[in-house]
Amino acid sequence: MNDLERRTNETVELLQQLIKNACVNEGTPESGQEIRNAELIQGELESGGIDAQLYESLPGRTSLVARHAGTDPEAPALCLMAHTDVVPVSVDGWREDPFGGEVITSPDGVSEVWGRGAVDMLNVTAAMTVAFRDVVSSGKRYPGDVVLLMVADEEFGGTHGAQHLINNFWDDVRCDYVLTEYGGTPTPDGSAVLLTAGEKTGAFRRIVVHGTPGHGSMPYGTDNALYKAAEIVRRIGEYSPVPRLDQMFADRLAALGLPEDTQKALMDPARVADELAALPVDMARNLHACCHITMSPNIMNAGDKVNTVANRAEIEIDVRILPGDTQDDIDQTFRDIIGPDLLPSCEIEQILPEREDGAAFSSTETPLWNALADSIQMAYPNAAVVPSLVTGGTDARFFRKMGIPAYGAGLLSSDLQLPEFLNRFHGHNERIDVKSLELTTQLWLDVLDRLWV
């Protein structure tokens, strides 16, 4: 067995264990229990003679940091950052056990690791751990430090993970560049690979709607909060934000290989809505999110008893804003959507603890971007490496706010195309092919070899 095969097998085995640990983050302080995955990774590193420090922000909410010192104190440090928590699952929608971590070979011969987190982002977590352990165990050193940062709580804002470490232990996680999720998605013909240079920012909102209680047997003329909440949801569904059709969006369209007339229509504010509607829904969903503020009302609760008119209803909305947008903009947008007739009955609350405006893009004029491009072209010769926007939030935003370039990277095989890859995020039957694990693990090693030359 050669080194590539060994590392790939180690990445597969570690990913399986990470999935089985089921560090499910439900957004409550006591959920996640990332200590299971943190201690697993600590043990993997210790097997290679590497010390790693654990940091606990709350009981069980544990992150890990390991630093491999460079030879030049003035050289920039690179942080490989991944998260160890996963989102909840609806078991009934899965073909396989979502926490089984099984390797299953499809009828067309593609071997895949199945389980919650296989795509988001335990695949990268495992690959970074294996690559870091390989480098340190070999005794190889680079001019700059290499930091392995495995964080808790990414799936609900990072308060108990990356943000906690940055705010309280900056000297331990100090770095000049960051690599994290997600990127490395090739176009169908392999002519381009997308890497993330920026992201949308979560601006989740809760709308509390007030009514007047009464007996459910006499509903005529009552002030039912649920009726008003339903009308607000309808208005949100009808809201059409102004599209942001910038150069990054144009580059994404070109990288996807869309016909020229389709690209022109998607870059035209007067035609983009109709053109999106004509595309396959999987592609349209992603492209729409890349050029619009998005609002998805996903939870609504109301009332106390079935025979009592609801005097209170709550709507929780997943809101994602684009770079340059502000939280104040969103508050005003919701006031406009709700309208003067219903606004007096409503309160608009922010769900996430931090009131963050839309994050900036990281410049691609850096040695790290060049190292990524060179490394990716080893697997996909002559492929253009295209900066793109990720529609979900990542912990990279904490570093970008500090002026530290951060990119979402990794490298997928040609067996996994972008629309299918995106569908597996937080979805049923999440899985990653073994070839992508091989490519991603090798990518980190190739980038390290090229960053400081």
Protein backbone atom coordinates (compact mmCIF):
# COMPACT_ATOMS: atom_id res chain seq x y z
CA MET A 1 0.00 0.00 0.00
CA ASN A 2 1.47 3.37 -1.00
CA ASP A 3 1.19 6.58 1.06
CA LEU A 4 -1.76 7.91 -0.95
CA GLU A 5 -3.79 4.75 -0.36
CA ARG A 6 -2.84 4.68 3.32
CA ARG A 7 -3.86 8.29 3.88
CA THR A 8 -7.12 7.78 2.03
CA ASN A 9 -7.96 4.73 4.14
CA GLU A 10 -7.13 6.67 7.30
CA THR A 11 -9.36 9.55 6.20
CA VAL A 12 -12.25 7.17 5.46
CA GLU A 13 -11.89 5.42 8.83
CA LEU A 14 -11.70 8.68 10.78
CA LEU A 15 -14.71 10.09 8.93
CA GLN A 16 -16.70 6.98 9.83
CA GLN A 17 -15.91 7.44 13.52
CA LEU A 18 -16.71 11.16 13.44
CA ILE A 19 -20.11 10.38 11.94
CA LYS A 20 -20.81 7.65 14.49
CA ASN A 21 -20.14 10.05 17.37
CA ALA A 22 -23.30 11.96 16.38
CA CYS A 23 -22.33 15.41 17.66
CA VAL A 24 -25.73 16.87 16.76
CA ASN A 25 -26.03 20.62 17.33
CA GLU A 26 -29.67 21.58 17.87
CA GLY A 27 -28.85 25.16 18.75
CA THR A 28 -29.16 24.69 22.51
CA PRO A 29 -26.21 25.21 24.88
CA GLU A 30 -26.23 21.58 25.97
CA SER A 31 -26.46 20.02 22.50
CA GLY A 32 -23.56 19.18 20.20
CA GLN A 33 -21.36 17.53 22.81
CA GLU A 34 -18.46 17.95 20.44
CA ILE A 35 -16.19 16.63 23.17
CA ARG A 36 -16.67 13.19 21.59
CA ASN A 37 -15.15 14.25 18.29
CA ALA A 38 -12.55 16.50 19.92
CA GLU A 39 -11.25 13.63 22.04
CA LEU A 40 -11.33 11.31 19.01
CA ILE A 41 -9.15 13.72 17.02
CA GLN A 42 -6.88 14.28 20.02
CA GLY A 43 -6.34 10.53 20.18
CA GLU A 44 -5.59 10.37 16.45
CA LEU A 45 -2.96 13.09 16.84
CA GLU A 46 -1.44 11.56 19.94
CA SER A 47 -0.97 8.31 18.00
CA GLY A 48 1.44 10.31 15.85
CA GLY A 49 3.19 11.86 18.85
CA ILE A 50 1.40 15.21 18.50
CA ASP A 51 0.14 17.28 21.42
CA ALA A 52 -3.27 18.90 21.06
CA GLN A 53 -5.05 21.20 23.50
CA LEU A 54 -8.77 20.96 24.26
CA TYR A 55 -10.85 24.07 25.03
CA GLU A 56 -14.29 23.84 26.64
CA SER A 57 -16.61 26.85 26.37
CA LEU A 58 -19.51 25.04 28.06
CA PRO A 59 -19.76 21.48 29.42
CA GLY A 60 -19.19 19.20 26.45
CA ARG A 61 -18.77 22.05 23.94
CA THR A 62 -15.15 21.29 23.22
CA SER A 63 -12.77 22.51 20.50
CA LEU A 64 -9.20 21.42 19.72
CA VAL A 65 -6.07 23.29 18.72
CA ALA A 66 -2.71 21.87 17.64
CA ARG A 67 0.19 23.96 16.31
CA HIS A 68 3.15 22.75 14.26
CA ALA A 69 5.86 25.37 14.64
CA GLY A 70 7.57 26.72 11.54
CA THR A 71 11.24 27.53 11.06
CA ASP A 72 10.79 31.28 10.52
CA PRO A 73 8.95 33.31 13.19
CA GLU A 74 8.29 36.03 10.60
CA ALA A 75 6.64 33.70 8.07
CA PRO A 76 2.83 33.70 7.83
CA ALA A 77 0.94 30.98 9.69
CA LEU A 78 -1.74 28.87 8.03
CA CYS A 79 -4.78 27.61 9.94
CA LEU A 80 -6.64 24.48 8.79
CA MET A 81 -10.05 24.94 10.39
CA ALA A 82 -12.95 22.49 10.43
CA HIS A 83 -15.97 21.96 12.62
CA THR A 84 -16.94 18.79 14.47
CA ASP A 85 -20.69 19.31 14.96
CA VAL A 86 -23.50 18.32 12.60
CA VAL A 87 -27.14 19.33 12.12
CA PRO A 88 -30.09 17.17 13.22
CA VAL A 89 -31.60 14.52 10.95
CA SER A 90 -35.07 13.28 10.03
CA VAL A 91 -34.31 9.57 10.19
CA ASP A 92 -37.39 8.54 8.20
CA GLY A 93 -36.01 10.29 5.10
CA TRP A 94 -32.77 8.28 5.04
CA ARG A 95 -32.06 5.13 3.07
CA GLU A 96 -29.24 4.19 5.46
CA ASP A 97 -28.50 4.80 9.14
CA PRO A 98 -27.53 8.51 9.28
CA PHE A 99 -25.04 7.77 12.05
CA GLY A 100 -23.81 4.43 10.72
CA GLY A 101 -20.86 5.80 8.76
CA GLU A 102 -21.05 2.90 6.35
CA VAL A 103 -19.03 2.67 3.13
CA ILE A 104 -21.47 1.68 0.40
CA THR A 105 -20.62 1.08 -3.25
CA SER A 106 -23.22 2.25 -5.74
CA PRO A 107 -24.31 0.19 -8.77
CA ASP A 108 -21.95 2.24 -10.97
CA GLY A 109 -18.99 1.34 -8.75
CA VAL A 110 -18.59 4.57 -6.73
CA SER A 111 -17.73 3.94 -3.07
CA GLU A 112 -19.23 6.49 -0.67
CA VAL A 113 -19.22 7.13 3.07
CA TRP A 114 -22.80 7.66 4.26
CA GLY A 115 -23.91 9.68 7.24
CA ARG A 116 -24.80 13.03 8.69
CA GLY A 117 -21.80 15.31 8.29
CA ALA A 118 -20.22 13.36 5.44
CA VAL A 119 -20.48 16.51 3.30
CA ASP A 120 -20.94 19.20 5.96
CA MET A 121 -18.10 19.07 6.91
CA LEU A 122 -16.69 16.01 8.61
CA ASN A 123 -15.11 14.93 5.33
CA VAL A 124 -12.82 17.96 5.51
CA THR A 125 -12.37 17.53 9.27
CA ALA A 126 -11.05 14.01 8.73
CA ALA A 127 -8.88 14.96 5.75
CA MET A 128 -7.27 17.90 7.57
CA THR A 129 -6.54 15.75 10.62
CA VAL A 130 -4.90 13.01 8.59
CA ALA A 131 -2.83 15.44 6.51
CA PHE A 132 -1.71 17.41 9.58
CA ARG A 133 -0.76 14.24 11.44
CA ASP A 134 1.17 12.99 8.42
CA VAL A 135 3.21 16.18 8.15
CA VAL A 136 4.03 16.52 11.84
CA SER A 137 4.82 12.82 12.30
CA SER A 138 7.23 12.95 9.36
CA GLY A 139 9.24 15.72 11.01
CA LYS A 140 8.76 18.01 8.03
CA ARG A 141 8.65 21.72 8.85
CA TYR A 142 7.67 24.74 6.82
CA PRO A 143 8.72 28.37 7.25
CA GLY A 144 5.36 29.26 8.82
CA ASP A 145 3.33 27.60 11.56
CA VAL A 146 0.54 25.20 10.62
CA VAL A 147 -2.42 25.33 13.00
CA LEU A 148 -5.08 22.63 13.18
CA LEU A 149 -8.29 24.13 14.56
CA MET A 150 -11.25 21.78 15.15
CA VAL A 151 -14.17 23.81 16.46
CA ALA A 152 -17.51 23.20 18.11
CA ASP A 153 -20.79 24.99 17.39
CA GLU A 154 -20.28 26.06 13.77
CA GLU A 155 -23.78 24.87 12.92
CA PHE A 156 -25.37 27.46 15.21
CA GLY A 157 -23.25 30.54 14.84
CA GLY A 158 -19.88 29.57 16.32
CA THR A 159 -20.45 31.28 19.67
CA HIS A 160 -19.22 28.29 21.65
CA GLY A 161 -16.46 27.39 19.20
CA ALA A 162 -14.46 29.61 16.86
CA GLN A 163 -15.67 32.87 18.33
CA HIS A 164 -14.93 31.71 21.88
CA LEU A 165 -11.37 30.78 20.92
CA ILE A 166 -10.69 33.96 18.96
CA ASN A 167 -12.04 36.17 21.76
CA ASN A 168 -10.32 34.38 24.63
CA PHE A 169 -7.33 32.42 23.27
CA TRP A 170 -6.13 34.36 20.26
CA ASP A 171 -2.46 33.63 20.91
CA ASP A 172 -3.23 29.92 20.63
CA VAL A 173 -5.10 30.18 17.30
CA ARG A 174 -3.13 33.11 15.84
CA CYS A 175 -2.70 32.82 12.07
CA ASP A 176 -2.39 34.81 8.86
CA TYR A 177 -4.40 32.59 6.51
CA VAL A 178 -7.35 30.23 6.97
CA LEU A 179 -8.63 27.27 4.97
CA THR A 180 -12.03 25.82 5.81
CA GLU A 181 -15.25 24.67 4.11
CA TYR A 182 -16.37 24.45 1.38
CA GLY A 183 -14.94 24.53 -2.12
CA GLY A 184 -13.20 22.53 -4.78
CA THR A 185 -16.25 21.74 -6.87
CA PRO A 186 -15.31 21.08 -10.51
CA THR A 187 -17.48 21.99 -13.47
CA PRO A 188 -18.81 19.05 -15.52
CA ASP A 189 -16.03 19.33 -18.09
CA GLY A 190 -13.27 19.95 -15.52
CA SER A 191 -12.41 23.32 -17.06
CA ALA A 192 -12.97 25.21 -13.79
CA VAL A 193 -13.00 24.56 -10.07
CA LEU A 194 -14.93 26.80 -7.66
CA LEU A 195 -13.37 27.88 -4.38
CA THR A 196 -15.11 30.01 -1.78
CA ALA A 197 -13.75 33.51 -1.23
CA GLY A 198 -16.82 34.98 0.46
CA GLU A 199 -20.09 34.01 2.07
CA LYS A 200 -23.52 35.20 2.98
CA THR A 201 -24.20 36.08 6.60
CA GLY A 202 -26.98 34.67 8.75
CA ALA A 203 -29.52 37.25 9.85
CA PHE A 204 -32.13 34.93 11.36
CA ARG A 205 -35.26 36.60 12.63
CA ARG A 206 -38.17 35.75 14.90
CA ILE A 207 -41.41 37.63 14.38
CA VAL A 208 -43.66 37.56 17.44
CA VAL A 209 -47.27 38.27 16.54
CA HIS A 210 -49.77 39.27 19.23
CA GLY A 211 -53.52 38.72 19.25
CA THR A 212 -56.35 38.48 21.78
CA PRO A 213 -57.45 35.24 23.43
CA GLY A 214 -61.04 34.04 23.21
CA HIS A 215 -63.13 30.88 23.11
CA GLY A 216 -62.43 28.75 20.08
CA SER A 217 -66.11 27.96 19.66
CA MET A 218 -66.82 31.58 18.71
CA PRO A 219 -64.10 32.58 16.23
CA TYR A 220 -66.06 35.22 14.31
CA GLY A 221 -64.35 38.61 14.52
CA THR A 222 -61.61 37.44 16.90
CA ASP A 223 -58.10 38.83 16.93
CA ASN A 224 -56.39 35.52 16.12
CA ALA A 225 -52.58 35.84 16.09
CA LEU A 226 -52.30 32.79 13.88
CA TYR A 227 -54.31 34.42 11.08
CA LYS A 228 -51.98 37.42 11.16
CA ALA A 229 -48.89 35.21 11.28
CA ALA A 230 -50.11 33.25 8.27
CA GLU A 231 -50.62 36.47 6.35
CA ILE A 232 -47.09 37.61 7.23
CA VAL A 233 -45.68 34.30 5.95
CA ARG A 234 -47.62 34.82 2.73
CA ARG A 235 -46.15 38.30 2.32
CA ILE A 236 -42.64 37.00 2.92
CA GLY A 237 -43.22 34.40 0.22
CA GLU A 238 -44.26 37.10 -2.23
CA TYR A 239 -41.36 39.41 -1.45
CA SER A 240 -38.93 39.75 -4.35
CA PRO A 241 -35.56 41.30 -3.40
CA VAL A 242 -33.41 43.18 -5.89
CA PRO A 243 -30.80 40.80 -7.40
CA ARG A 244 -27.06 41.44 -6.93
CA LEU A 245 -25.58 40.67 -10.35
CA ASP A 246 -21.88 41.33 -9.83
CA GLN A 247 -18.66 40.04 -11.38
CA MET A 248 -18.40 37.10 -8.98
CA PHE A 249 -21.87 35.95 -10.03
CA ALA A 250 -20.90 36.33 -13.69
CA ASP A 251 -17.76 34.25 -13.10
CA ARG A 252 -19.86 31.55 -11.44
CA LEU A 253 -22.19 31.40 -14.46
CA ALA A 254 -19.24 31.09 -16.83
CA ALA A 255 -17.63 28.38 -14.69
CA LEU A 256 -20.84 26.34 -14.80
CA GLY A 257 -20.60 26.25 -18.59
CA LEU A 258 -24.04 27.72 -19.17
CA PRO A 259 -24.91 28.80 -22.73
CA GLU A 260 -23.94 32.40 -23.48
CA ASP A 261 -27.54 33.53 -23.99
CA THR A 262 -28.50 32.00 -20.63
CA GLN A 263 -25.63 33.82 -18.94
CA LYS A 264 -26.71 37.12 -20.49
CA ALA A 265 -30.28 36.64 -19.33
CA LEU A 266 -29.16 35.78 -15.79
CA MET A 267 -27.08 38.98 -15.67
CA ASP A 268 -30.06 41.09 -16.76
CA PRO A 269 -32.14 42.38 -13.80
CA ALA A 270 -35.24 42.44 -15.98
CA ARG A 271 -34.85 38.81 -17.10
CA VAL A 272 -33.10 37.00 -14.27
CA ALA A 273 -36.30 35.84 -12.52
CA ASP A 274 -37.76 34.27 -15.66
CA GLU A 275 -34.43 32.68 -16.59
CA LEU A 276 -34.02 31.14 -13.15
CA ALA A 277 -37.51 29.68 -13.44
CA ALA A 278 -36.51 27.99 -16.71
CA LEU A 279 -33.44 26.27 -15.24
CA PRO A 280 -33.39 22.88 -13.49
CA VAL A 281 -34.56 23.57 -9.94
CA ASP A 282 -31.38 22.31 -8.26
CA MET A 283 -29.25 24.75 -10.22
CA ALA A 284 -31.75 27.60 -9.99
CA ARG A 285 -31.99 27.27 -6.22
CA ASN A 286 -28.26 27.79 -5.78
CA LEU A 287 -27.94 30.56 -8.35
CA HIS A 288 -30.90 32.44 -6.87
CA ALA A 289 -29.31 32.31 -3.42
CA CYS A 290 -25.99 33.54 -4.81
CA CYS A 291 -27.49 36.80 -6.08
CA HIS A 292 -30.34 37.56 -3.65
CA ILE A 293 -31.03 38.09 0.01
CA THR A 294 -33.01 34.99 0.96
CA MET A 295 -35.76 34.48 3.53
CA SER A 296 -37.15 31.06 4.42
CA PRO A 297 -39.87 30.87 7.11
CA ASN A 298 -39.16 27.45 8.59
CA ILE A 299 -40.85 27.33 12.01
CA MET A 300 -44.17 28.66 13.27
CA ASN A 301 -45.71 28.12 16.69
CA ALA A 302 -48.99 29.51 17.96
CA GLY A 303 -51.63 29.18 20.65
CA ASP A 304 -51.92 27.33 23.93
CA LYS A 305 -54.99 25.10 23.53
CA VAL A 306 -57.09 23.88 20.64
CA ASN A 307 -60.23 25.51 22.08
CA THR A 308 -58.61 28.91 22.69
CA VAL A 309 -58.08 31.62 20.09
CA ALA A 310 -54.33 32.11 19.66
CA ASN A 311 -53.14 35.27 21.36
CA ARG A 312 -49.52 34.76 20.30
CA ALA A 313 -47.71 33.28 17.32
CA GLU A 314 -44.02 33.07 16.49
CA ILE A 315 -42.42 32.76 13.05
CA GLU A 316 -38.72 31.85 12.78
CA ILE A 317 -37.05 32.76 9.51
CA ASP A 318 -33.70 31.74 8.04
CA VAL A 319 -32.37 34.97 6.51
CA ARG A 320 -29.07 35.21 4.60
CA ILE A 321 -27.65 38.56 3.56
CA LEU A 322 -25.03 39.35 0.95
CA PRO A 323 -21.68 41.05 1.54
CA GLY A 324 -22.33 44.76 2.07
CA ASP A 325 -25.86 44.31 3.46
CA THR A 326 -26.52 45.29 7.07
CA GLN A 327 -28.67 43.95 9.86
CA ASP A 328 -30.45 47.31 9.98
CA ASP A 329 -31.34 46.86 6.31
CA ILE A 330 -33.02 43.55 7.15
CA ASP A 331 -35.00 45.00 10.05
CA GLN A 332 -36.33 47.71 7.75
CA THR A 333 -37.08 45.16 5.04
CA PHE A 334 -39.19 43.13 7.46
CA ARG A 335 -41.06 46.23 8.60
CA ASP A 336 -41.85 46.96 4.95
CA ILE A 337 -42.95 43.36 4.29
CA ILE A 338 -45.16 43.14 7.37
CA GLY A 339 -46.80 46.44 6.49
CA PRO A 340 -48.39 49.21 8.56
CA ASP A 341 -51.60 47.22 9.13
CA LEU A 342 -49.90 44.34 10.97
CA LEU A 343 -46.71 45.95 12.26
CA PRO A 344 -48.33 47.29 15.49
CA SER A 345 -49.08 43.66 16.46
CA CYS A 346 -45.53 42.47 15.87
CA GLU A 347 -42.08 42.40 17.39
CA ILE A 348 -39.03 41.61 15.24
CA GLU A 349 -36.26 39.82 17.12
CA GLN A 350 -32.82 38.61 16.10
CA ILE A 351 -32.21 34.93 16.81
CA LEU A 352 -28.44 34.66 16.45
CA PRO A 353 -26.46 36.22 19.31
CA GLU A 354 -24.17 38.38 17.17
CA ARG A 355 -25.52 41.22 15.04
CA GLU A 356 -23.13 40.79 12.12
CA ASP A 357 -23.39 42.70 8.88
CA GLY A 358 -22.63 41.03 5.56
CA ALA A 359 -19.01 39.87 5.50
CA ALA A 360 -16.46 41.06 2.96
CA PHE A 361 -14.83 38.85 0.34
CA SER A 362 -11.25 37.73 0.83
CA SER A 363 -8.87 38.96 -1.84
CA THR A 364 -7.55 36.30 -4.16
CA GLU A 365 -4.31 38.26 -4.63
CA THR A 366 -2.50 36.19 -2.01
CA PRO A 367 0.20 33.49 -1.95
CA LEU A 368 -2.36 31.09 -0.45
CA TRP A 369 -4.75 31.48 -3.38
CA ASN A 370 -1.86 30.86 -5.77
CA ALA A 371 -0.86 27.75 -3.82
CA LEU A 372 -4.44 26.49 -3.98
CA ALA A 373 -4.65 27.08 -7.71
CA ASP A 374 -1.34 25.31 -8.36
CA SER A 375 -2.38 22.37 -6.18
CA ILE A 376 -5.81 21.99 -7.74
CA GLN A 377 -4.32 22.00 -11.22
CA MET A 378 -2.31 18.93 -10.30
CA ALA A 379 -5.61 17.03 -10.21
CA TYR A 380 -7.44 19.09 -12.83
CA PRO A 381 -4.77 20.29 -15.30
CA ASN A 382 -5.41 23.72 -16.83
CA ALA A 383 -8.60 24.22 -14.81
CA ALA A 384 -9.42 27.81 -13.98
CA VAL A 385 -9.78 28.31 -10.22
CA VAL A 386 -12.77 30.61 -9.77
CA PRO A 387 -13.63 32.54 -6.58
CA SER A 388 -17.24 32.04 -5.55
CA LEU A 389 -19.79 32.85 -2.89
CA VAL A 390 -21.12 30.26 -0.45
CA THR A 391 -24.79 30.72 0.41
CA GLY A 392 -24.48 29.44 3.98
CA GLY A 393 -22.37 30.89 6.75
CA THR A 394 -19.06 29.48 8.00
CA ASP A 395 -16.62 30.30 10.78
CA ALA A 396 -14.36 31.91 8.18
CA ARG A 397 -16.29 35.13 8.73
CA PHE A 398 -14.68 35.64 12.16
CA PHE A 399 -11.26 35.73 10.52
CA ARG A 400 -12.35 37.83 7.55
CA LYS A 401 -13.63 40.46 10.00
CA MET A 402 -10.06 40.65 11.31
CA GLY A 403 -8.66 41.14 7.80
CA ILE A 404 -7.32 37.59 7.57
CA PRO A 405 -7.82 35.96 4.14
CA ALA A 406 -10.00 32.86 4.47
CA TYR A 407 -11.04 30.47 1.73
CA GLY A 408 -13.36 27.50 1.51
CA ALA A 409 -11.44 24.67 -0.08
CA GLY A 410 -11.31 20.93 -0.59
CA LEU A 411 -11.39 19.01 -3.84
CA LEU A 412 -14.24 16.90 -5.18
CA SER A 413 -14.01 14.18 -7.77
CA SER A 414 -15.76 14.34 -11.11
CA ASP A 415 -18.20 11.72 -9.75
CA LEU A 416 -19.85 14.42 -7.61
CA GLN A 417 -21.20 17.44 -9.47
CA LEU A 418 -22.11 20.74 -7.88
CA PRO A 419 -25.94 20.50 -7.87
CA GLU A 420 -25.89 17.05 -6.26
CA PHE A 421 -23.19 18.10 -3.79
CA LEU A 422 -25.24 21.11 -2.68
CA ASN A 423 -28.38 18.99 -2.26
CA ARG A 424 -26.59 16.82 0.29
CA PHE A 425 -25.92 19.73 2.68
CA HIS A 426 -28.35 19.27 5.60
CA GLY A 427 -30.34 16.89 3.40
CA HIS A 428 -31.38 13.24 3.44
CA ASN A 429 -28.87 10.55 2.43
CA GLU A 430 -25.79 12.73 2.92
CA ARG A 431 -22.65 11.02 1.64
CA ILE A 432 -19.24 11.64 0.10
CA ASP A 433 -17.32 9.52 -2.37
CA VAL A 434 -13.97 8.04 -1.38
CA LYS A 435 -12.22 9.59 -4.38
CA SER A 436 -13.13 13.08 -3.08
CA LEU A 437 -11.66 12.16 0.29
CA GLU A 438 -8.44 11.12 -1.43
CA LEU A 439 -8.27 14.35 -3.45
CA THR A 440 -9.02 16.56 -0.46
CA THR A 441 -6.47 14.94 1.84
CA GLN A 442 -3.81 15.28 -0.86
CA LEU A 443 -4.82 18.89 -1.50
CA TRP A 444 -3.84 20.00 2.01
CA LEU A 445 -0.41 18.42 1.61
CA ASP A 446 0.11 19.98 -1.81
CA VAL A 447 -0.92 23.43 -0.55
CA LEU A 448 1.51 23.20 2.37
CA ASP A 449 4.31 22.34 -0.02
CA ARG A 450 3.53 25.39 -2.19
CA LEU A 451 2.50 28.15 0.18
CA TRP A 452 5.92 29.27 1.42
CA VAL A 453 8.03 28.68 -1.71
